[in-house]
Amino acid sequence: MDETDQIDTADGARREIARLEERIEALTEQLARSRKLAFAAKAGIVAGAIWLAAILLGLVFPDGLTLMTAAILILGGIVLSGSNATTANETAAQITEAEAKRAALIGEISLRLVPEQSRLLH
C-alpha cells in the first residue's frame, strides 16, 4: 500500500468518524427526549393516583368523568412508560455501538504526535 492509499483510507475513516459523531449526537438528543417522556409518564401516573385517591377520600365527586380521567392518566402513564423504556434502551444500545465503531476507526488511523512547543516566559 503506498502513501496515497493510506491518505485515502485515513480520509475515509475521518469522514466515517465525523458521520458517527453526528449520529451519536442525534441519538443522545433522542435519549434526552426519552428521559423527558419518562418523566411525563411518571407524572401522569402520580397525577392519576392522586386524582383516584381524592375520589376515594371524597374530596372529588365520583362521577364517570373523574373516574375515567384518573384511569386514563394511570393507564396512559404506564403504557407510555413501558414503550418509552424500550425505546430508551434501544437508543442507548445504538449509542454504545456507534461509540465502539468510532473508537475502532480512531484506532485504525495512524496518528502523528505534534510536539509541544516550549513556552517562553517574557
PDB file of N, CA and C in Angstrom:
ATOM      1  N   MET A   1       0.846  -1.173   0.000  1.00  0.00           N
ATOM      2  CA  MET A   1       0.000   0.000   0.000  1.00  0.00           C
ATOM      3  C   MET A   1       0.895   1.240   0.000  1.00  0.00           C
ATOM      4  N   ASP A   2       0.653   2.152  -0.939  1.00  0.00           N
ATOM      5  CA  ASP A   2       1.502   3.337  -0.992  1.00  0.00           C
ATOM      6  C   ASP A   2       0.873   4.472  -0.185  1.00  0.00           C
ATOM      7  N   GLU A   3       1.542   5.615  -0.186  1.00  0.00           N
ATOM      8  CA  GLU A   3       1.137   6.740   0.656  1.00  0.00           C
ATOM      9  C   GLU A   3      -0.228   7.303   0.265  1.00  0.00           C
ATOM     10  N   THR A   4      -0.563   7.356  -1.031  1.00  0.00           N
ATOM     11  CA  THR A   4      -1.862   7.897  -1.446  1.00  0.00           C
ATOM     12  C   THR A   4      -2.996   6.997  -0.978  1.00  0.00           C
ATOM     13  N   ASP A   5      -2.777   5.670  -0.970  1.00  0.00           N
ATOM     14  CA  ASP A   5      -3.802   4.763  -0.463  1.00  0.00           C
ATOM     15  C   ASP A   5      -4.021   4.979   1.034  1.00  0.00           C
ATOM     16  N   GLN A   6      -2.924   5.223   1.759  1.00  0.00           N
ATOM     17  CA  GLN A   6      -3.043   5.484   3.191  1.00  0.00           C
ATOM     18  C   GLN A   6      -3.801   6.773   3.449  1.00  0.00           C
ATOM     19  N   ILE A   7      -3.549   7.792   2.631  1.00  0.00           N
ATOM     20  CA  ILE A   7      -4.236   9.073   2.792  1.00  0.00           C
ATOM     21  C   ILE A   7      -5.718   8.911   2.489  1.00  0.00           C
ATOM     22  N   ASP A   8      -6.055   8.183   1.400  1.00  0.00           N
ATOM     23  CA  ASP A   8      -7.454   7.957   1.059  1.00  0.00           C
ATOM     24  C   ASP A   8      -8.173   7.189   2.160  1.00  0.00           C
ATOM     25  N   THR A   9      -7.508   6.163   2.699  1.00  0.00           N
ATOM     26  CA  THR A   9      -8.100   5.373   3.776  1.00  0.00           C
ATOM     27  C   THR A   9      -8.287   6.228   5.018  1.00  0.00           C
ATOM     28  N   ALA A  10      -7.305   7.041   5.347  1.00  0.00           N
ATOM     29  CA  ALA A  10      -7.401   7.918   6.520  1.00  0.00           C
ATOM     30  C   ALA A  10      -8.514   8.941   6.333  1.00  0.00           C
ATOM     31  N   ASP A  11      -8.625   9.504   5.123  1.00  0.00           N
ATOM     32  CA  ASP A  11      -9.683  10.477   4.870  1.00  0.00           C
ATOM     33  C   ASP A  11     -11.054   9.824   4.969  1.00  0.00           C
ATOM     34  N   GLY A  12     -11.179   8.618   4.433  1.00  0.00           N
ATOM     35  CA  GLY A  12     -12.446   7.885   4.530  1.00  0.00           C
ATOM     36  C   GLY A  12     -12.790   7.575   5.976  1.00  0.00           C
ATOM     37  N   ALA A  13     -11.779   7.193   6.754  1.00  0.00           N
ATOM     38  CA  ALA A  13     -12.004   6.909   8.174  1.00  0.00           C
ATOM     39  C   ALA A  13     -12.412   8.179   8.916  1.00  0.00           C
ATOM     40  N   ARG A  14     -11.777   9.295   8.579  1.00  0.00           N
ATOM     41  CA  ARG A  14     -12.135  10.563   9.237  1.00  0.00           C
ATOM     42  C   ARG A  14     -13.570  10.971   8.910  1.00  0.00           C
ATOM     43  N   ARG A  15     -13.973  10.763   7.643  1.00  0.00           N
ATOM     44  CA  ARG A  15     -15.358  11.079   7.263  1.00  0.00           C
ATOM     45  C   ARG A  15     -16.335  10.170   8.009  1.00  0.00           C
ATOM     46  N   GLU A  16     -15.987   8.903   8.119  1.00  0.00           N
ATOM     47  CA  GLU A  16     -16.845   7.958   8.834  1.00  0.00           C
ATOM     48  C   GLU A  16     -16.912   8.308  10.321  1.00  0.00           C
ATOM     49  N   ILE A  17     -15.802   8.734  10.897  1.00  0.00           N
ATOM     50  CA  ILE A  17     -15.785   9.158  12.301  1.00  0.00           C
ATOM     51  C   ILE A  17     -16.678  10.378  12.483  1.00  0.00           C
ATOM     52  N   ALA A  18     -16.591  11.330  11.567  1.00  0.00           N
ATOM     53  CA  ALA A  18     -17.440  12.522  11.657  1.00  0.00           C
ATOM     54  C   ALA A  18     -18.919  12.137  11.546  1.00  0.00           C
ATOM     55  N   ARG A  19     -19.223  11.199  10.639  1.00  0.00           N
ATOM     56  CA  ARG A  19     -20.610  10.749  10.484  1.00  0.00           C
ATOM     57  C   ARG A  19     -21.097  10.058  11.755  1.00  0.00           C
ATOM     58  N   LEU A  20     -20.236   9.233  12.341  1.00  0.00           N
ATOM     59  CA  LEU A  20     -20.606   8.548  13.579  1.00  0.00           C
ATOM     60  C   LEU A  20     -20.800   9.530  14.727  1.00  0.00           C
ATOM     61  N   GLU A  21     -19.968  10.571  14.786  1.00  0.00           N
ATOM     62  CA  GLU A  21     -20.130  11.573  15.842  1.00  0.00           C
ATOM     63  C   GLU A  21     -21.448  12.320  15.695  1.00  0.00           C
ATOM     64  N   GLU A  22     -21.843  12.617  14.459  1.00  0.00           N
ATOM     65  CA  GLU A  22     -23.146  13.253  14.242  1.00  0.00           C
ATOM     66  C   GLU A  22     -24.274  12.326  14.665  1.00  0.00           C
ATOM     67  N   ARG A  23     -24.137  11.044  14.350  1.00  0.00           N
ATOM     68  CA  ARG A  23     -25.157  10.063  14.739  1.00  0.00           C
ATOM     69  C   ARG A  23     -25.235   9.936  16.257  1.00  0.00           C
ATOM     70  N   ILE A  24     -24.077   9.900  16.917  1.00  0.00           N
ATOM     71  CA  ILE A  24     -24.059   9.811  18.377  1.00  0.00           C
ATOM     72  C   ILE A  24     -24.740  11.030  18.990  1.00  0.00           C
ATOM     73  N   GLU A  25     -24.474  12.197  18.428  1.00  0.00           N
ATOM     74  CA  GLU A  25     -25.099  13.420  18.938  1.00  0.00           C
ATOM     75  C   GLU A  25     -26.617  13.368  18.768  1.00  0.00           C
ATOM     76  N   ALA A  26     -27.083  12.917  17.595  1.00  0.00           N
ATOM     77  CA  ALA A  26     -28.525  12.817  17.351  1.00  0.00           C
ATOM     78  C   ALA A  26     -29.166  11.795  18.290  1.00  0.00           C
ATOM     79  N   LEU A  27     -28.490  10.671  18.482  1.00  0.00           N
ATOM     80  CA  LEU A  27     -29.024   9.648  19.388  1.00  0.00           C
ATOM     81  C   LEU A  27     -29.044  10.135  20.832  1.00  0.00           C
ATOM     82  N   THR A  28     -28.049  10.915  21.211  1.00  0.00           N
ATOM     83  CA  THR A  28     -28.008  11.475  22.565  1.00  0.00           C
ATOM     84  C   THR A  28     -29.182  12.422  22.780  1.00  0.00           C
ATOM     85  N   GLU A  29     -29.495  13.232  21.772  1.00  0.00           N
ATOM     86  CA  GLU A  29     -30.658  14.121  21.864  1.00  0.00           C
ATOM     87  C   GLU A  29     -31.951  13.305  21.958  1.00  0.00           C
ATOM     88  N   GLN A  30     -32.031  12.227  21.200  1.00  0.00           N
ATOM     89  CA  GLN A  30     -33.210  11.362  21.245  1.00  0.00           C
ATOM     90  C   GLN A  30     -33.344  10.723  22.631  1.00  0.00           C
ATOM     91  N   LEU A  31     -32.238  10.333  23.222  1.00  0.00           N
ATOM     92  CA  LEU A  31     -32.259   9.754  24.558  1.00  0.00           C
ATOM     93  C   LEU A  31     -32.708  10.787  25.590  1.00  0.00           C
ATOM     94  N   ALA A  32     -32.299  12.031  25.408  1.00  0.00           N
ATOM     95  CA  ALA A  32     -32.744  13.099  26.313  1.00  0.00           C
ATOM     96  C   ALA A  32     -34.256  13.297  26.203  1.00  0.00           C
ATOM     97  N   ARG A  33     -34.789  13.236  24.971  1.00  0.00           N
ATOM     98  CA  ARG A  33     -36.244  13.340  24.799  1.00  0.00           C
ATOM     99  C   ARG A  33     -36.950  12.166  25.459  1.00  0.00           C
ATOM    100  N   SER A  34     -36.354  10.986  25.372  1.00  0.00           N
ATOM    101  CA  SER A  34     -36.940   9.809  26.011  1.00  0.00           C
ATOM    102  C   SER A  34     -36.989   9.980  27.524  1.00  0.00           C
ATOM    103  N   ARG A  35     -35.963  10.588  28.081  1.00  0.00           N
ATOM    104  CA  ARG A  35     -35.953  10.831  29.527  1.00  0.00           C
ATOM    105  C   ARG A  35     -37.046  11.827  29.925  1.00  0.00           C
ATOM    106  N   LYS A  36     -37.256  12.824  29.086  1.00  0.00           N
ATOM    107  CA  LYS A  36     -38.340  13.778  29.360  1.00  0.00           C
ATOM    108  C   LYS A  36     -39.696  13.085  29.288  1.00  0.00           C
ATOM    109  N   LEU A  37     -39.876  12.195  28.300  1.00  0.00           N
ATOM    110  CA  LEU A  37     -41.117  11.444  28.198  1.00  0.00           C
ATOM    111  C   LEU A  37     -41.309  10.527  29.397  1.00  0.00           C
ATOM    112  N   ALA A  38     -40.227   9.930  29.883  1.00  0.00           N
ATOM    113  CA  ALA A  38     -40.306   9.068  31.066  1.00  0.00           C
ATOM    114  C   ALA A  38     -40.779   9.872  32.264  1.00  0.00           C
ATOM    115  N   PHE A  39     -40.283  11.093  32.390  1.00  0.00           N
ATOM    116  CA  PHE A  39     -40.723  11.962  33.481  1.00  0.00           C
ATOM    117  C   PHE A  39     -42.207  12.300  33.330  1.00  0.00           C
ATOM    118  N   ALA A  40     -42.639  12.594  32.100  1.00  0.00           N
ATOM    119  CA  ALA A  40     -44.053  12.908  31.861  1.00  0.00           C
ATOM    120  C   ALA A  40     -44.936  11.704  32.163  1.00  0.00           C
ATOM    121  N   ALA A  41     -44.476  10.510  31.814  1.00  0.00           N
ATOM    122  CA  ALA A  41     -45.243   9.295  32.095  1.00  0.00           C
ATOM    123  C   ALA A  41     -45.392   9.093  33.598  1.00  0.00           C
ATOM    124  N   LYS A  42     -44.309   9.274  34.333  1.00  0.00           N
ATOM    125  CA  LYS A  42     -44.369   9.129  35.785  1.00  0.00           C
ATOM    126  C   LYS A  42     -45.268  10.193  36.400  1.00  0.00           C
ATOM    127  N   ALA A  43     -45.211  11.409  35.865  1.00  0.00           N
ATOM    128  CA  ALA A  43     -46.082  12.477  36.361  1.00  0.00           C
ATOM    129  C   ALA A  43     -47.549  12.129  36.109  1.00  0.00           C
ATOM    130  N   GLY A  44     -47.835  11.536  34.952  1.00  0.00           N
ATOM    131  CA  GLY A  44     -49.203  11.120  34.653  1.00  0.00           C
ATOM    132  C   GLY A  44     -49.691  10.048  35.605  1.00  0.00           C
ATOM    133  N   ILE A  45     -48.833   9.097  35.911  1.00  0.00           N
ATOM    134  CA  ILE A  45     -49.201   8.037  36.852  1.00  0.00           C
ATOM    135  C   ILE A  45     -49.482   8.630  38.236  1.00  0.00           C
ATOM    136  N   VAL A  46     -48.608   9.508  38.684  1.00  0.00           N
ATOM    137  CA  VAL A  46     -48.779  10.129  40.002  1.00  0.00           C
ATOM    138  C   VAL A  46     -50.039  10.992  40.026  1.00  0.00           C
ATOM    139  N   ALA A  47     -50.263  11.765  38.964  1.00  0.00           N
ATOM    140  CA  ALA A  47     -51.454  12.613  38.920  1.00  0.00           C
ATOM    141  C   ALA A  47     -52.729  11.766  38.939  1.00  0.00           C
ATOM    142  N   GLY A  48     -52.727  10.683  38.189  1.00  0.00           N
ATOM    143  CA  GLY A  48     -53.887   9.796  38.185  1.00  0.00           C
ATOM    144  C   GLY A  48     -54.116   9.156  39.542  1.00  0.00           C
ATOM    145  N   ALA A  49     -53.036   8.752  40.202  1.00  0.00           N
ATOM    146  CA  ALA A  49     -53.159   8.141  41.529  1.00  0.00           C
ATOM    147  C   ALA A  49     -53.682   9.150  42.544  1.00  0.00           C
ATOM    148  N   ILE A  50     -53.196  10.373  42.470  1.00  0.00           N
ATOM    149  CA  ILE A  50     -53.683  11.424  43.383  1.00  0.00           C
ATOM    150  C   ILE A  50     -55.153  11.703  43.111  1.00  0.00           C
ATOM    151  N   TRP A  51     -55.510  11.763  41.842  1.00  0.00           N
ATOM    152  CA  TRP A  51     -56.899  12.014  41.464  1.00  0.00           C
ATOM    153  C   TRP A  51     -57.800  10.896  41.985  1.00  0.00           C
ATOM    154  N   LEU A  52     -57.361   9.649  41.831  1.00  0.00           N
ATOM    155  CA  LEU A  52     -58.120   8.497  42.310  1.00  0.00           C
ATOM    156  C   LEU A  52     -58.228   8.512  43.836  1.00  0.00           C
ATOM    157  N   ALA A  53     -57.137   8.862  44.516  1.00  0.00           N
ATOM    158  CA  ALA A  53     -57.162   8.966  45.974  1.00  0.00           C
ATOM    159  C   ALA A  53     -58.138  10.049  46.426  1.00  0.00           C
ATOM    160  N   ALA A  54     -58.156  11.162  45.707  1.00  0.00           N
ATOM    161  CA  ALA A  54     -59.079  12.244  46.043  1.00  0.00           C
ATOM    162  C   ALA A  54     -60.533  11.786  45.872  1.00  0.00           C
ATOM    163  N   ILE A  55     -60.775  10.968  44.861  1.00  0.00           N
ATOM    164  CA  ILE A  55     -62.129  10.426  44.656  1.00  0.00           C
ATOM    165  C   ILE A  55     -62.493   9.486  45.806  1.00  0.00           C
ATOM    166  N   LEU A  56     -61.565   8.601  46.154  1.00  0.00           N
ATOM    167  CA  LEU A  56     -61.827   7.631  47.220  1.00  0.00           C
ATOM    168  C   LEU A  56     -61.993   8.292  48.581  1.00  0.00           C
ATOM    169  N   LEU A  57     -61.288   9.385  48.814  1.00  0.00           N
ATOM    170  CA  LEU A  57     -61.392  10.108  50.082  1.00  0.00           C
ATOM    171  C   LEU A  57     -62.590  11.057  50.118  1.00  0.00           C
ATOM    172  N   GLY A  58     -63.286  11.183  49.011  1.00  0.00           N
ATOM    173  CA  GLY A  58     -64.468  12.033  48.963  1.00  0.00           C
ATOM    174  C   GLY A  58     -64.162  13.501  48.718  1.00  0.00           C
ATOM    175  N   LEU A  59     -62.935  13.812  48.329  1.00  0.00           N
ATOM    176  CA  LEU A  59     -62.580  15.208  48.053  1.00  0.00           C
ATOM    177  C   LEU A  59     -63.098  15.663  46.692  1.00  0.00           C
ATOM    178  N   VAL A  60     -63.310  14.707  45.791  1.00  0.00           N
ATOM    179  CA  VAL A  60     -63.817  14.986  44.449  1.00  0.00           C
ATOM    180  C   VAL A  60     -65.045  14.108  44.255  1.00  0.00           C
ATOM    181  N   PHE A  61     -66.091  14.682  43.647  1.00  0.00           N
ATOM    182  CA  PHE A  61     -67.323  13.925  43.413  1.00  0.00           C
ATOM    183  C   PHE A  61     -67.061  12.780  42.440  1.00  0.00           C
ATOM    184  N   PRO A  62     -67.423  11.543  42.819  1.00  0.00           N
ATOM    185  CA  PRO A  62     -67.116  10.373  41.987  1.00  0.00           C
ATOM    186  C   PRO A  62     -68.125  10.159  40.852  1.00  0.00           C
ATOM    187  N   ASP A  63     -67.963  10.891  39.780  1.00  0.00           N
ATOM    188  CA  ASP A  63     -68.815  10.649  38.606  1.00  0.00           C
ATOM    189  C   ASP A  63     -67.988   9.926  37.538  1.00  0.00           C
ATOM    190  N   GLY A  64     -68.602   9.601  36.437  1.00  0.00           N
ATOM    191  CA  GLY A  64     -67.939   8.841  35.381  1.00  0.00           C
ATOM    192  C   GLY A  64     -66.721   9.539  34.809  1.00  0.00           C
ATOM    193  N   LEU A  65     -66.809  10.844  34.621  1.00  0.00           N
ATOM    194  CA  LEU A  65     -65.702  11.592  34.008  1.00  0.00           C
ATOM    195  C   LEU A  65     -64.468  11.603  34.898  1.00  0.00           C
ATOM    196  N   THR A  66     -64.657  11.821  36.191  1.00  0.00           N
ATOM    197  CA  THR A  66     -63.491  11.873  37.083  1.00  0.00           C
ATOM    198  C   THR A  66     -62.831  10.500  37.211  1.00  0.00           C
ATOM    199  N   LEU A  67     -63.645   9.446  37.312  1.00  0.00           N
ATOM    200  CA  LEU A  67     -63.076   8.099  37.372  1.00  0.00           C
ATOM    201  C   LEU A  67     -62.334   7.756  36.082  1.00  0.00           C
ATOM    202  N   MET A  68     -62.935   8.114  34.959  1.00  0.00           N
ATOM    203  CA  MET A  68     -62.311   7.822  33.669  1.00  0.00           C
ATOM    204  C   MET A  68     -61.012   8.626  33.507  1.00  0.00           C
ATOM    205  N   THR A  69     -61.009   9.866  33.944  1.00  0.00           N
ATOM    206  CA  THR A  69     -59.807  10.696  33.854  1.00  0.00           C
ATOM    207  C   THR A  69     -58.668  10.096  34.682  1.00  0.00           C
ATOM    208  N   ALA A  70     -58.968   9.677  35.894  1.00  0.00           N
ATOM    209  CA  ALA A  70     -57.948   9.077  36.755  1.00  0.00           C
ATOM    210  C   ALA A  70     -57.410   7.796  36.123  1.00  0.00           C
ATOM    211  N   ALA A  71     -58.306   6.970  35.597  1.00  0.00           N
ATOM    212  CA  ALA A  71     -57.881   5.711  34.974  1.00  0.00           C
ATOM    213  C   ALA A  71     -57.038   5.970  33.729  1.00  0.00           C
ATOM    214  N   ILE A  72     -57.434   6.944  32.927  1.00  0.00           N
ATOM    215  CA  ILE A  72     -56.675   7.272  31.711  1.00  0.00           C
ATOM    216  C   ILE A  72     -55.274   7.764  32.074  1.00  0.00           C
ATOM    217  N   LEU A  73     -55.176   8.595  33.089  1.00  0.00           N
ATOM    218  CA  LEU A  73     -53.861   9.094  33.498  1.00  0.00           C
ATOM    219  C   LEU A  73     -52.969   7.955  33.980  1.00  0.00           C
ATOM    220  N   ILE A  74     -53.511   7.073  34.792  1.00  0.00           N
ATOM    221  CA  ILE A  74     -52.709   5.973  35.319  1.00  0.00           C
ATOM    222  C   ILE A  74     -52.319   4.998  34.208  1.00  0.00           C
ATOM    223  N   LEU A  75     -53.295   4.509  33.455  1.00  0.00           N
ATOM    224  CA  LEU A  75     -53.006   3.527  32.406  1.00  0.00           C
ATOM    225  C   LEU A  75     -52.170   4.127  31.275  1.00  0.00           C
ATOM    226  N   GLY A  76     -52.486   5.360  30.891  1.00  0.00           N
ATOM    227  CA  GLY A  76     -51.704   6.026  29.850  1.00  0.00           C
ATOM    228  C   GLY A  76     -50.261   6.225  30.267  1.00  0.00           C
ATOM    229  N   GLY A  77     -50.055   6.579  31.529  1.00  0.00           N
ATOM    230  CA  GLY A  77     -48.692   6.738  32.038  1.00  0.00           C
ATOM    231  C   GLY A  77     -47.928   5.431  32.047  1.00  0.00           C
ATOM    232  N   ILE A  78     -48.610   4.346  32.416  1.00  0.00           N
ATOM    233  CA  ILE A  78     -47.959   3.034  32.434  1.00  0.00           C
ATOM    234  C   ILE A  78     -47.572   2.610  31.020  1.00  0.00           C
ATOM    235  N   VAL A  79     -48.495   2.767  30.069  1.00  0.00           N
ATOM    236  CA  VAL A  79     -48.206   2.387  28.679  1.00  0.00           C
ATOM    237  C   VAL A  79     -47.076   3.234  28.105  1.00  0.00           C
ATOM    238  N   LEU A  80     -47.142   4.543  28.335  1.00  0.00           N
ATOM    239  CA  LEU A  80     -46.095   5.441  27.831  1.00  0.00           C
ATOM    240  C   LEU A  80     -44.746   5.107  28.464  1.00  0.00           C
ATOM    241  N   SER A  81     -44.758   4.796  29.731  1.00  0.00           N
ATOM    242  CA  SER A  81     -43.518   4.462  30.424  1.00  0.00           C
ATOM    243  C   SER A  81     -42.888   3.195  29.851  1.00  0.00           C
ATOM    244  N   GLY A  82     -43.701   2.162  29.617  1.00  0.00           N
ATOM    245  CA  GLY A  82     -43.178   0.916  29.068  1.00  0.00           C
ATOM    246  C   GLY A  82     -42.646   1.072  27.661  1.00  0.00           C
ATOM    247  N   SER A  83     -43.412   1.758  26.830  1.00  0.00           N
ATOM    248  CA  SER A  83     -42.998   1.980  25.446  1.00  0.00           C
ATOM    249  C   SER A  83     -41.727   2.822  25.389  1.00  0.00           C
ATOM    250  N   ASN A  84     -41.690   3.839  26.209  1.00  0.00           N
ATOM    251  CA  ASN A  84     -40.547   4.741  26.225  1.00  0.00           C
ATOM    252  C   ASN A  84     -39.306   4.050  26.764  1.00  0.00           C
ATOM    253  N   ALA A  85     -39.461   3.163  27.736  1.00  0.00           N
ATOM    254  CA  ALA A  85     -38.307   2.444  28.290  1.00  0.00           C
ATOM    255  C   ALA A  85     -37.653   1.576  27.225  1.00  0.00           C
ATOM    256  N   THR A  86     -38.474   0.925  26.416  1.00  0.00           N
ATOM    257  CA  THR A  86     -37.936   0.101  25.335  1.00  0.00           C
ATOM    258  C   THR A  86     -37.165   0.961  24.339  1.00  0.00           C
ATOM    259  N   THR A  87     -37.741   2.082  23.962  1.00  0.00           N
ATOM    260  CA  THR A  87     -37.081   2.989  23.015  1.00  0.00           C
ATOM    261  C   THR A  87     -35.776   3.525  23.600  1.00  0.00           C
ATOM    262  N   ALA A  88     -35.797   3.890  24.868  1.00  0.00           N
ATOM    263  CA  ALA A  88     -34.591   4.423  25.511  1.00  0.00           C
ATOM    264  C   ALA A  88     -33.489   3.362  25.561  1.00  0.00           C
ATOM    265  N   ASN A  89     -33.851   2.125  25.857  1.00  0.00           N
ATOM    266  CA  ASN A  89     -32.854   1.050  25.895  1.00  0.00           C
ATOM    267  C   ASN A  89     -32.257   0.800  24.510  1.00  0.00           C
ATOM    268  N   GLU A  90     -33.093   0.807  23.478  1.00  0.00           N
ATOM    269  CA  GLU A  90     -32.601   0.616  22.114  1.00  0.00           C
ATOM    270  C   GLU A  90     -31.686   1.763  21.699  1.00  0.00           C
ATOM    271  N   THR A  91     -32.055   2.981  22.056  1.00  0.00           N
ATOM    272  CA  THR A  91     -31.245   4.149  21.727  1.00  0.00           C
ATOM    273  C   THR A  91     -29.893   4.083  22.434  1.00  0.00           C
ATOM    274  N   ALA A  92     -29.895   3.706  23.708  1.00  0.00           N
ATOM    275  CA  ALA A  92     -28.642   3.585  24.457  1.00  0.00           C
ATOM    276  C   ALA A  92     -27.745   2.521  23.829  1.00  0.00           C
ATOM    277  N   ALA A  93     -28.334   1.419  23.377  1.00  0.00           N
ATOM    278  CA  ALA A  93     -27.555   0.369  22.721  1.00  0.00           C
ATOM    279  C   ALA A  93     -26.952   0.868  21.409  1.00  0.00           C
ATOM    280  N   GLN A  94     -27.726   1.665  20.654  1.00  0.00           N
ATOM    281  CA  GLN A  94     -27.218   2.224  19.399  1.00  0.00           C
ATOM    282  C   GLN A  94     -26.074   3.205  19.661  1.00  0.00           C
ATOM    283  N   ILE A  95     -26.173   3.977  20.735  1.00  0.00           N
ATOM    284  CA  ILE A  95     -25.098   4.911  21.092  1.00  0.00           C
ATOM    285  C   ILE A  95     -23.828   4.129  21.422  1.00  0.00           C
ATOM    286  N   THR A  96     -23.974   3.070  22.207  1.00  0.00           N
ATOM    287  CA  THR A  96     -22.819   2.243  22.582  1.00  0.00           C
ATOM    288  C   THR A  96     -22.166   1.633  21.351  1.00  0.00           C
ATOM    289  N   GLU A  97     -22.990   1.141  20.422  1.00  0.00           N
ATOM    290  CA  GLU A  97     -22.469   0.537  19.195  1.00  0.00           C
ATOM    291  C   GLU A  97     -21.732   1.572  18.340  1.00  0.00           C
ATOM    292  N   ALA A  98     -22.318   2.761  18.188  1.00  0.00           N
ATOM    293  CA  ALA A  98     -21.681   3.807  17.382  1.00  0.00           C
ATOM    294  C   ALA A  98     -20.377   4.271  18.027  1.00  0.00           C
ATOM    295  N   GLU A  99     -20.349   4.371  19.357  1.00  0.00           N
ATOM    296  CA  GLU A  99     -19.118   4.772  20.037  1.00  0.00           C
ATOM    297  C   GLU A  99     -18.027   3.719  19.864  1.00  0.00           C
ATOM    298  N   ALA A 100     -18.405   2.446  19.877  1.00  0.00           N
ATOM    299  CA  ALA A 100     -17.421   1.380  19.676  1.00  0.00           C
ATOM    300  C   ALA A 100     -16.855   1.427  18.262  1.00  0.00           C
ATOM    301  N   LYS A 101     -17.720   1.661  17.273  1.00  0.00           N
ATOM    302  CA  LYS A 101     -17.253   1.778  15.883  1.00  0.00           C
ATOM    303  C   LYS A 101     -16.316   2.970  15.732  1.00  0.00           C
ATOM    304  N   ARG A 102     -16.686   4.086  16.369  1.00  0.00           N
ATOM    305  CA  ARG A 102     -15.851   5.286  16.299  1.00  0.00           C
ATOM    306  C   ARG A 102     -14.490   5.024  16.926  1.00  0.00           C
ATOM    307  N   ALA A 103     -14.472   4.364  18.078  1.00  0.00           N
ATOM    308  CA  ALA A 103     -13.205   4.057  18.742  1.00  0.00           C
ATOM    309  C   ALA A 103     -12.344   3.136  17.885  1.00  0.00           C
ATOM    310  N   ALA A 104     -12.975   2.175  17.224  1.00  0.00           N
ATOM    311  CA  ALA A 104     -12.220   1.265  16.352  1.00  0.00           C
ATOM    312  C   ALA A 104     -11.617   2.028  15.174  1.00  0.00           C
ATOM    313  N   LEU A 105     -12.382   2.937  14.590  1.00  0.00           N
ATOM    314  CA  LEU A 105     -11.869   3.721  13.468  1.00  0.00           C
ATOM    315  C   LEU A 105     -10.734   4.638  13.903  1.00  0.00           C
ATOM    316  N   ILE A 106     -10.870   5.220  15.066  1.00  0.00           N
ATOM    317  CA  ILE A 106      -9.804   6.093  15.574  1.00  0.00           C
ATOM    318  C   ILE A 106      -8.539   5.266  15.797  1.00  0.00           C
ATOM    319  N   GLY A 107      -8.708   4.034  16.266  1.00  0.00           N
ATOM    320  CA  GLY A 107      -7.555   3.159  16.479  1.00  0.00           C
ATOM    321  C   GLY A 107      -6.869   2.761  15.190  1.00  0.00           C
ATOM    322  N   GLU A 108      -7.612   2.731  14.071  1.00  0.00           N
ATOM    323  CA  GLU A 108      -7.032   2.350  12.787  1.00  0.00           C
ATOM    324  C   GLU A 108      -6.213   3.465  12.142  1.00  0.00           C
ATOM    325  N   ILE A 109      -6.532   4.700  12.471  1.00  0.00           N
ATOM    326  CA  ILE A 109      -5.834   5.835  11.867  1.00  0.00           C
ATOM    327  C   ILE A 109      -4.450   5.951  12.498  1.00  0.00           C
ATOM    328  N   SER A 110      -3.466   6.123  11.665  1.00  0.00           N
ATOM    329  CA  SER A 110      -2.121   6.333  12.206  1.00  0.00           C
ATOM    330  C   SER A 110      -1.989   7.812  12.550  1.00  0.00           C
ATOM    331  N   LEU A 111      -2.062   8.074  13.820  1.00  0.00           N
ATOM    332  CA  LEU A 111      -1.980   9.455  14.292  1.00  0.00           C
ATOM    333  C   LEU A 111      -0.521   9.834  14.478  1.00  0.00           C
ATOM    334  N   ARG A 112      -0.239  11.075  14.263  1.00  0.00           N
ATOM    335  CA  ARG A 112       1.125  11.543  14.464  1.00  0.00           C
ATOM    336  C   ARG A 112       1.130  12.500  15.636  1.00  0.00           C
ATOM    337  N   LEU A 113       2.165  12.432  16.407  1.00  0.00           N
ATOM    338  CA  LEU A 113       2.286  13.289  17.570  1.00  0.00           C
ATOM    339  C   LEU A 113       2.792  14.663  17.149  1.00  0.00           C
ATOM    340  N   VAL A 114       2.179  15.654  17.685  1.00  0.00           N
ATOM    341  CA  VAL A 114       2.614  17.025  17.438  1.00  0.00           C
ATOM    342  C   VAL A 114       3.421  17.443  18.651  1.00  0.00           C
ATOM    343  N   PRO A 115       4.673  17.819  18.447  1.00  0.00           N
ATOM    344  CA  PRO A 115       5.494  18.177  19.601  1.00  0.00           C
ATOM    345  C   PRO A 115       4.951  19.431  20.282  1.00  0.00           C
ATOM    346  N   GLU A 116       5.032  19.411  21.582  1.00  0.00           N
ATOM    347  CA  GLU A 116       4.561  20.545  22.351  1.00  0.00           C
ATOM    348  C   GLU A 116       5.592  21.671  22.238  1.00  0.00           C
ATOM    349  N   GLN A 117       5.105  22.851  21.939  1.00  0.00           N
ATOM    350  CA  GLN A 117       6.017  23.989  21.806  1.00  0.00           C
ATOM    351  C   GLN A 117       6.454  24.421  23.197  1.00  0.00           C
ATOM    352  N   SER A 118       7.715  24.842  23.252  1.00  0.00           N
ATOM    353  CA  SER A 118       8.196  25.324  24.535  1.00  0.00           C
ATOM    354  C   SER A 118       7.555  26.675  24.814  1.00  0.00           C
ATOM    355  N   ARG A 119       7.246  26.864  26.044  1.00  0.00           N
ATOM    356  CA  ARG A 119       6.599  28.129  26.427  1.00  0.00           C
ATOM    357  C   ARG A 119       7.683  29.125  26.831  1.00  0.00           C
ATOM    358  N   LEU A 120       7.617  30.233  26.183  1.00  0.00           N
ATOM    359  CA  LEU A 120       8.579  31.279  26.509  1.00  0.00           C
ATOM    360  C   LEU A 120       7.931  32.236  27.486  1.00  0.00           C
ATOM    361  N   LEU A 121       8.594  32.450  28.563  1.00  0.00           N
ATOM    362  CA  LEU A 121       8.088  33.404  29.543  1.00  0.00           C
ATOM    363  C   LEU A 121       8.861  34.695  29.384  1.00  0.00           C
ATOM    364  N   HIS A 122       8.165  35.739  29.156  1.00  0.00           N
ATOM    365  CA  HIS A 122       8.805  37.028  28.939  1.00  0.00           C
ATOM    366  C   HIS A 122       8.772  37.854  30.173  1.00  0.00           C
TER     367      HIS A 122
END
